[in-house]
N, C-alpha and C. Protein backbone atom coordinates (compact mmCIF):
# COMPACT_ATOMS: atom_id res chain seq x y z
N MET A 1 18.21 -6.04 8.03
CA MET A 1 17.46 -4.79 8.01
C MET A 1 16.03 -5.07 8.43
N SER A 2 15.54 -4.31 9.35
CA SER A 2 14.20 -4.52 9.85
C SER A 2 13.32 -3.34 9.46
N ILE A 3 12.15 -3.64 8.93
CA ILE A 3 11.19 -2.61 8.58
C ILE A 3 9.96 -2.84 9.41
N ASN A 4 9.53 -1.81 10.10
CA ASN A 4 8.35 -1.90 10.94
C ASN A 4 7.40 -0.79 10.52
N ILE A 5 6.18 -1.14 10.19
CA ILE A 5 5.21 -0.16 9.74
C ILE A 5 4.62 0.60 10.91
N GLU A 6 4.82 0.10 12.11
CA GLU A 6 4.32 0.73 13.32
C GLU A 6 2.82 0.96 13.24
N SER A 7 2.08 -0.13 13.18
CA SER A 7 0.64 -0.04 13.06
C SER A 7 -0.02 0.58 14.29
N ASN A 8 0.73 0.76 15.36
CA ASN A 8 0.14 1.40 16.54
C ASN A 8 0.48 2.88 16.62
N SER A 9 1.19 3.40 15.62
CA SER A 9 1.57 4.80 15.62
C SER A 9 0.34 5.68 15.42
N PRO A 10 0.11 6.66 16.32
CA PRO A 10 -1.06 7.52 16.16
C PRO A 10 -0.96 8.41 14.92
N TYR A 11 0.24 8.72 14.47
CA TYR A 11 0.40 9.57 13.30
C TYR A 11 0.02 8.82 12.03
N LEU A 12 0.43 7.57 11.94
CA LEU A 12 0.15 6.77 10.76
C LEU A 12 -1.29 6.31 10.74
N MET A 13 -1.83 5.93 11.87
CA MET A 13 -3.13 5.27 11.90
C MET A 13 -4.31 6.23 12.09
N ASN A 14 -4.06 7.52 12.19
CA ASN A 14 -5.15 8.47 12.34
C ASN A 14 -6.06 8.41 11.12
N GLY A 15 -7.32 8.05 11.30
CA GLY A 15 -8.27 8.03 10.21
C GLY A 15 -8.15 6.84 9.27
N VAL A 16 -7.44 5.81 9.65
CA VAL A 16 -7.28 4.64 8.79
C VAL A 16 -8.42 3.67 9.08
N ALA A 17 -9.06 3.20 8.02
CA ALA A 17 -10.19 2.30 8.15
C ALA A 17 -9.74 0.93 8.66
N THR A 18 -10.68 0.18 9.20
CA THR A 18 -10.38 -1.15 9.74
C THR A 18 -9.81 -2.07 8.68
N ALA A 19 -10.34 -2.01 7.46
CA ALA A 19 -9.81 -2.85 6.38
C ALA A 19 -8.36 -2.52 6.09
N ASP A 20 -8.02 -1.24 6.13
CA ASP A 20 -6.63 -0.84 5.91
C ASP A 20 -5.74 -1.33 7.04
N ARG A 21 -6.23 -1.30 8.25
CA ARG A 21 -5.44 -1.79 9.39
C ARG A 21 -5.11 -3.26 9.23
N SER A 22 -6.07 -4.04 8.77
CA SER A 22 -5.81 -5.47 8.59
C SER A 22 -4.80 -5.69 7.47
N ARG A 23 -4.87 -4.88 6.41
CA ARG A 23 -3.89 -5.00 5.32
C ARG A 23 -2.49 -4.62 5.81
N ILE A 24 -2.41 -3.62 6.68
CA ILE A 24 -1.12 -3.22 7.25
C ILE A 24 -0.57 -4.35 8.10
N ASP A 25 -1.43 -4.96 8.91
CA ASP A 25 -0.99 -6.07 9.76
C ASP A 25 -0.48 -7.24 8.93
N ILE A 26 -1.17 -7.55 7.83
CA ILE A 26 -0.74 -8.65 6.96
C ILE A 26 0.61 -8.33 6.33
N LEU A 27 0.76 -7.10 5.83
CA LEU A 27 2.02 -6.69 5.21
C LEU A 27 3.16 -6.72 6.21
N GLU A 28 2.89 -6.22 7.42
CA GLU A 28 3.93 -6.22 8.45
C GLU A 28 4.31 -7.65 8.84
N GLY A 29 3.33 -8.55 8.89
CA GLY A 29 3.61 -9.94 9.20
C GLY A 29 4.49 -10.59 8.14
N LYS A 30 4.23 -10.26 6.88
CA LYS A 30 5.05 -10.80 5.80
C LYS A 30 6.49 -10.30 5.91
N LEU A 31 6.66 -9.05 6.28
CA LEU A 31 8.01 -8.50 6.41
C LEU A 31 8.76 -9.11 7.59
N GLN A 32 8.05 -9.34 8.69
CA GLN A 32 8.70 -9.88 9.87
C GLN A 32 9.02 -11.36 9.73
N SER A 33 8.29 -12.07 8.87
CA SER A 33 8.55 -13.50 8.70
C SER A 33 9.75 -13.76 7.79
N LYS A 34 10.39 -12.71 7.33
CA LYS A 34 11.58 -12.78 6.48
C LYS A 34 11.37 -13.72 5.30
N PRO A 35 10.89 -13.17 4.20
CA PRO A 35 10.66 -13.98 3.00
C PRO A 35 11.89 -14.80 2.64
N THR A 36 11.67 -16.07 2.27
CA THR A 36 12.79 -16.98 2.04
C THR A 36 13.33 -16.93 0.62
N SER A 37 12.52 -16.59 -0.34
CA SER A 37 12.99 -16.56 -1.71
C SER A 37 12.96 -15.14 -2.27
N ASP A 38 13.65 -14.95 -3.36
CA ASP A 38 13.66 -13.65 -4.02
C ASP A 38 12.27 -13.27 -4.51
N GLU A 39 11.52 -14.26 -4.98
CA GLU A 39 10.17 -13.99 -5.47
C GLU A 39 9.26 -13.52 -4.34
N GLU A 40 9.36 -14.15 -3.18
CA GLU A 40 8.54 -13.73 -2.03
C GLU A 40 8.90 -12.33 -1.59
N LEU A 41 10.19 -12.03 -1.55
CA LEU A 41 10.64 -10.69 -1.15
C LEU A 41 10.12 -9.65 -2.13
N MET A 42 10.19 -9.93 -3.43
CA MET A 42 9.70 -8.99 -4.44
C MET A 42 8.20 -8.80 -4.30
N GLU A 43 7.46 -9.86 -4.00
CA GLU A 43 6.01 -9.74 -3.80
C GLU A 43 5.68 -8.84 -2.62
N VAL A 44 6.43 -8.98 -1.53
CA VAL A 44 6.22 -8.12 -0.37
C VAL A 44 6.51 -6.67 -0.74
N CYS A 45 7.57 -6.45 -1.47
CA CYS A 45 7.93 -5.08 -1.90
C CYS A 45 6.85 -4.50 -2.81
N LYS A 46 6.32 -5.32 -3.72
CA LYS A 46 5.24 -4.86 -4.60
C LYS A 46 3.97 -4.56 -3.79
N SER A 47 3.70 -5.39 -2.79
CA SER A 47 2.53 -5.15 -1.94
C SER A 47 2.66 -3.82 -1.22
N PHE A 48 3.86 -3.52 -0.74
CA PHE A 48 4.07 -2.26 -0.06
C PHE A 48 3.89 -1.09 -1.01
N GLU A 49 4.48 -1.18 -2.21
CA GLU A 49 4.34 -0.10 -3.18
C GLU A 49 2.87 0.10 -3.56
N SER A 50 2.16 -0.99 -3.77
CA SER A 50 0.76 -0.91 -4.13
C SER A 50 -0.05 -0.24 -3.02
N TYR A 51 0.21 -0.62 -1.77
CA TYR A 51 -0.50 -0.02 -0.64
C TYR A 51 -0.19 1.47 -0.55
N LEU A 52 1.07 1.84 -0.73
CA LEU A 52 1.47 3.24 -0.67
C LEU A 52 0.77 4.05 -1.76
N LEU A 53 0.75 3.53 -2.99
CA LEU A 53 0.07 4.23 -4.08
C LEU A 53 -1.42 4.39 -3.81
N GLU A 54 -2.02 3.35 -3.26
CA GLU A 54 -3.45 3.42 -2.93
C GLU A 54 -3.72 4.53 -1.93
N GLN A 55 -2.87 4.64 -0.92
CA GLN A 55 -3.05 5.69 0.09
C GLN A 55 -2.86 7.08 -0.52
N VAL A 56 -1.91 7.21 -1.44
CA VAL A 56 -1.70 8.48 -2.13
C VAL A 56 -2.94 8.85 -2.94
N MET A 57 -3.50 7.89 -3.64
CA MET A 57 -4.70 8.15 -4.44
C MET A 57 -5.87 8.57 -3.57
N LYS A 58 -6.03 7.89 -2.44
CA LYS A 58 -7.11 8.26 -1.52
C LYS A 58 -6.90 9.66 -0.97
N GLY A 59 -5.65 10.00 -0.67
CA GLY A 59 -5.33 11.34 -0.19
C GLY A 59 -5.61 12.39 -1.25
N MET A 60 -5.29 12.08 -2.49
CA MET A 60 -5.54 13.00 -3.58
C MET A 60 -7.04 13.23 -3.76
N GLU A 61 -7.82 12.18 -3.58
CA GLU A 61 -9.26 12.30 -3.74
C GLU A 61 -9.84 13.29 -2.72
N LYS A 62 -9.26 13.32 -1.53
CA LYS A 62 -9.75 14.21 -0.48
C LYS A 62 -9.52 15.68 -0.82
N THR A 63 -8.60 15.95 -1.74
CA THR A 63 -8.32 17.34 -2.10
C THR A 63 -9.29 17.88 -3.14
N ILE A 64 -10.08 17.00 -3.74
CA ILE A 64 -11.05 17.42 -4.76
C ILE A 64 -12.30 17.92 -4.05
N PRO A 65 -12.74 19.14 -4.38
CA PRO A 65 -13.96 19.64 -3.75
C PRO A 65 -15.14 18.72 -4.05
N SER A 66 -15.88 18.39 -3.01
CA SER A 66 -17.00 17.47 -3.19
C SER A 66 -18.17 18.19 -3.84
N GLU A 67 -18.85 17.46 -4.69
CA GLU A 67 -20.02 18.00 -5.37
C GLU A 67 -21.27 17.52 -4.63
N ASP A 68 -22.38 18.19 -4.90
CA ASP A 68 -23.62 17.79 -4.25
C ASP A 68 -24.04 16.38 -4.65
N LYS A 69 -23.84 16.04 -5.91
CA LYS A 69 -24.26 14.73 -6.40
C LYS A 69 -23.03 13.88 -6.65
N LYS A 70 -22.72 13.03 -5.71
CA LYS A 70 -21.62 12.10 -5.88
C LYS A 70 -22.13 10.83 -6.53
N ASN A 71 -21.25 10.19 -7.24
CA ASN A 71 -21.58 8.93 -7.89
C ASN A 71 -21.70 7.84 -6.81
N PRO A 72 -22.87 7.24 -6.64
CA PRO A 72 -23.03 6.22 -5.59
C PRO A 72 -22.18 4.98 -5.84
N TYR A 73 -21.92 4.66 -7.09
CA TYR A 73 -21.08 3.49 -7.39
C TYR A 73 -19.64 3.74 -6.97
N LEU A 74 -19.15 4.95 -7.24
CA LEU A 74 -17.78 5.29 -6.86
C LEU A 74 -17.64 5.33 -5.34
N GLU A 75 -18.66 5.81 -4.66
CA GLU A 75 -18.62 5.81 -3.19
C GLU A 75 -18.54 4.39 -2.66
N HIS A 76 -19.26 3.48 -3.28
CA HIS A 76 -19.30 2.11 -2.80
C HIS A 76 -18.07 1.30 -3.23
N PHE A 77 -17.65 1.47 -4.47
CA PHE A 77 -16.57 0.66 -5.01
C PHE A 77 -15.25 1.43 -5.18
N GLY A 78 -15.18 2.64 -4.66
CA GLY A 78 -14.00 3.48 -4.82
C GLY A 78 -12.74 2.86 -4.27
N ASP A 79 -12.82 2.23 -3.10
CA ASP A 79 -11.64 1.60 -2.51
C ASP A 79 -11.10 0.49 -3.40
N MET A 80 -12.00 -0.32 -3.94
CA MET A 80 -11.56 -1.40 -4.83
C MET A 80 -10.94 -0.83 -6.11
N LEU A 81 -11.51 0.27 -6.60
CA LEU A 81 -10.97 0.90 -7.80
C LEU A 81 -9.55 1.38 -7.55
N TYR A 82 -9.32 2.03 -6.42
CA TYR A 82 -7.97 2.52 -6.10
C TYR A 82 -7.01 1.36 -5.88
N GLN A 83 -7.47 0.28 -5.27
CA GLN A 83 -6.62 -0.90 -5.09
C GLN A 83 -6.17 -1.45 -6.43
N GLU A 84 -7.10 -1.53 -7.37
CA GLU A 84 -6.76 -2.07 -8.69
C GLU A 84 -5.85 -1.13 -9.47
N TYR A 85 -6.09 0.18 -9.38
CA TYR A 85 -5.21 1.15 -10.04
C TYR A 85 -3.79 1.03 -9.47
N ALA A 86 -3.69 0.94 -8.16
CA ALA A 86 -2.38 0.85 -7.51
C ALA A 86 -1.68 -0.45 -7.87
N LYS A 87 -2.43 -1.55 -7.88
CA LYS A 87 -1.86 -2.85 -8.25
C LYS A 87 -1.36 -2.82 -9.69
N SER A 88 -2.15 -2.26 -10.58
CA SER A 88 -1.77 -2.18 -11.99
C SER A 88 -0.53 -1.32 -12.17
N ALA A 89 -0.47 -0.20 -11.49
CA ALA A 89 0.71 0.67 -11.59
C ALA A 89 1.95 -0.02 -11.05
N THR A 90 1.81 -0.77 -9.99
CA THR A 90 2.94 -1.49 -9.41
C THR A 90 3.42 -2.60 -10.35
N GLU A 91 2.49 -3.34 -10.92
CA GLU A 91 2.85 -4.42 -11.83
C GLU A 91 3.53 -3.89 -13.09
N ASN A 92 3.17 -2.70 -13.51
CA ASN A 92 3.76 -2.10 -14.70
C ASN A 92 4.98 -1.25 -14.38
N GLN A 93 5.47 -1.37 -13.16
CA GLN A 93 6.67 -0.68 -12.68
C GLN A 93 6.58 0.83 -12.90
N GLY A 94 5.42 1.39 -12.53
CA GLY A 94 5.21 2.81 -12.69
C GLY A 94 6.18 3.66 -11.88
N LEU A 95 6.36 3.36 -10.62
CA LEU A 95 7.25 4.15 -9.77
C LEU A 95 8.63 3.52 -9.63
N GLY A 96 8.68 2.23 -9.61
CA GLY A 96 9.95 1.55 -9.40
C GLY A 96 10.35 1.46 -7.94
N LEU A 97 9.45 1.87 -7.06
CA LEU A 97 9.73 1.84 -5.63
C LEU A 97 9.94 0.41 -5.14
N ALA A 98 9.14 -0.52 -5.64
CA ALA A 98 9.27 -1.92 -5.23
C ALA A 98 10.66 -2.46 -5.60
N GLN A 99 11.14 -2.13 -6.77
CA GLN A 99 12.45 -2.60 -7.21
C GLN A 99 13.56 -2.01 -6.35
N MET A 100 13.46 -0.72 -6.05
CA MET A 100 14.48 -0.09 -5.20
C MET A 100 14.47 -0.67 -3.79
N LEU A 101 13.29 -0.89 -3.24
CA LEU A 101 13.16 -1.48 -1.92
C LEU A 101 13.72 -2.90 -1.91
N TYR A 102 13.40 -3.67 -2.94
CA TYR A 102 13.89 -5.04 -3.08
C TYR A 102 15.42 -5.06 -3.10
N GLU A 103 16.02 -4.22 -3.92
CA GLU A 103 17.48 -4.19 -4.03
C GLU A 103 18.12 -3.77 -2.71
N SER A 104 17.50 -2.82 -2.02
CA SER A 104 18.04 -2.38 -0.74
C SER A 104 17.96 -3.49 0.32
N MET A 105 16.84 -4.20 0.34
CA MET A 105 16.68 -5.27 1.33
C MET A 105 17.59 -6.45 1.01
N LYS A 106 17.83 -6.75 -0.26
CA LYS A 106 18.74 -7.82 -0.63
C LYS A 106 20.18 -7.46 -0.22
N ARG A 107 20.54 -6.21 -0.43
CA ARG A 107 21.89 -5.75 -0.13
C ARG A 107 22.14 -5.72 1.38
N ASN A 108 21.14 -5.28 2.14
CA ASN A 108 21.30 -5.13 3.59
C ASN A 108 20.78 -6.31 4.39
N GLY A 109 20.16 -7.27 3.70
CA GLY A 109 19.52 -8.40 4.35
C GLY A 109 20.44 -9.26 5.07
């Protein structure tokens, strides 16, 4: 089973920051190198779930009406905050997407 994030897709990459593009490239490289152990495969699946959750959180933030006085710390460190929230949710099996993806890739691998 082959998964391609299609980092050159105009639909996916519209408005994606350079840092996000490099994270997508790293994740895609891990998937294409075919992880050799179950632990590596699960880590790749968790990385994907974490990245997906982070993007959802960023999208949700855009729906909140902006106020005149934004918190300068949140503007500066907001991306790191969302990364940590997403990582924590993934590690605590909040969605279970990583587990489902792992099982599917093991079955079809």
